[in-house]
Amino acid sequence: MNSNLRPQELESVYDALAESLDQAGEQDRLYLVKVALCLANLTGDADAVLNSFRECLEDL
């Protein structure tokens, strides 16, 4: 994946996401879907978002 964020910024995002997932509890899947849709809307680039989904699956 391409990134315009510095490593420190990515680490902050990771930490915030992990904390949010803990807060979401049993609703964590729904929360992740909502986050993905929100970020997709912010990018305004459906193809880039769909490519990111595929790239993330490769690294599991």
Protein backbone atom coordinates (compact mmCIF):
# COMPACT_ATOMS: atom_id res chain seq x y z
CA MET A 1 0.00 0.00 0.00
CA ASN A 2 1.13 3.51 -0.72
CA SER A 3 1.26 5.89 2.19
CA ASN A 4 1.64 9.59 2.58
CA LEU A 5 1.79 9.34 6.36
CA ARG A 6 5.02 9.28 8.32
CA PRO A 7 5.69 6.14 10.37
CA GLN A 8 4.85 8.00 13.59
CA GLU A 9 1.52 9.07 12.15
CA LEU A 10 0.72 5.51 11.05
CA GLU A 11 1.55 4.29 14.53
CA SER A 12 -0.83 6.84 16.03
CA VAL A 13 -3.58 5.76 13.64
CA TYR A 14 -2.91 2.10 14.49
CA ASP A 15 -3.11 2.81 18.21
CA ALA A 16 -6.34 4.79 17.83
CA LEU A 17 -7.88 2.03 15.72
CA ALA A 18 -6.91 -0.63 18.25
CA GLU A 19 -8.42 1.41 21.08
CA SER A 20 -11.60 2.02 19.08
CA LEU A 21 -11.92 -1.68 18.33
CA ASP A 22 -11.67 -2.43 22.03
CA GLN A 23 -14.39 0.13 22.71
CA ALA A 24 -16.61 -1.34 19.98
CA GLY A 25 -16.52 -4.73 21.70
CA GLU A 26 -18.83 -7.23 20.05
CA GLN A 27 -19.74 -4.64 17.43
CA ASP A 28 -16.16 -4.55 16.12
CA ARG A 29 -17.06 -5.86 12.66
CA LEU A 30 -19.78 -3.27 12.20
CA TYR A 31 -17.38 -0.60 13.43
CA LEU A 32 -14.74 -1.64 10.86
CA VAL A 33 -17.29 -1.50 8.06
CA LYS A 34 -18.33 1.98 9.15
CA VAL A 35 -14.69 3.10 9.30
CA ALA A 36 -13.99 1.68 5.84
CA LEU A 37 -17.03 3.43 4.35
CA CYS A 38 -16.17 6.71 6.04
CA LEU A 39 -12.58 6.60 4.76
CA ALA A 40 -13.75 5.57 1.29
CA ASN A 41 -16.00 8.60 1.22
CA LEU A 42 -13.11 10.83 2.33
CA THR A 43 -10.83 9.56 -0.44
CA GLY A 44 -13.47 9.93 -3.12
CA ASP A 45 -11.70 7.21 -5.12
CA ALA A 46 -13.61 3.93 -5.16
CA ASP A 47 -10.97 2.15 -7.26
CA ALA A 48 -8.22 3.03 -4.79
CA VAL A 49 -10.36 1.84 -1.89
CA LEU A 50 -11.19 -1.45 -3.61
CA ASN A 51 -7.51 -1.98 -4.42
CA SER A 52 -6.67 -1.33 -0.77
CA PHE A 53 -9.15 -3.99 0.31
CA ARG A 54 -7.44 -6.51 -1.98
CA GLU A 55 -3.96 -5.49 -0.79
CA CYS A 56 -4.97 -5.87 2.85
CA LEU A 57 -6.26 -9.38 2.24
CA GLU A 58 -2.90 -10.39 0.79
CA ASP A 59 -1.08 -9.56 4.03
CA LEU A 60 -3.27 -11.54 6.42
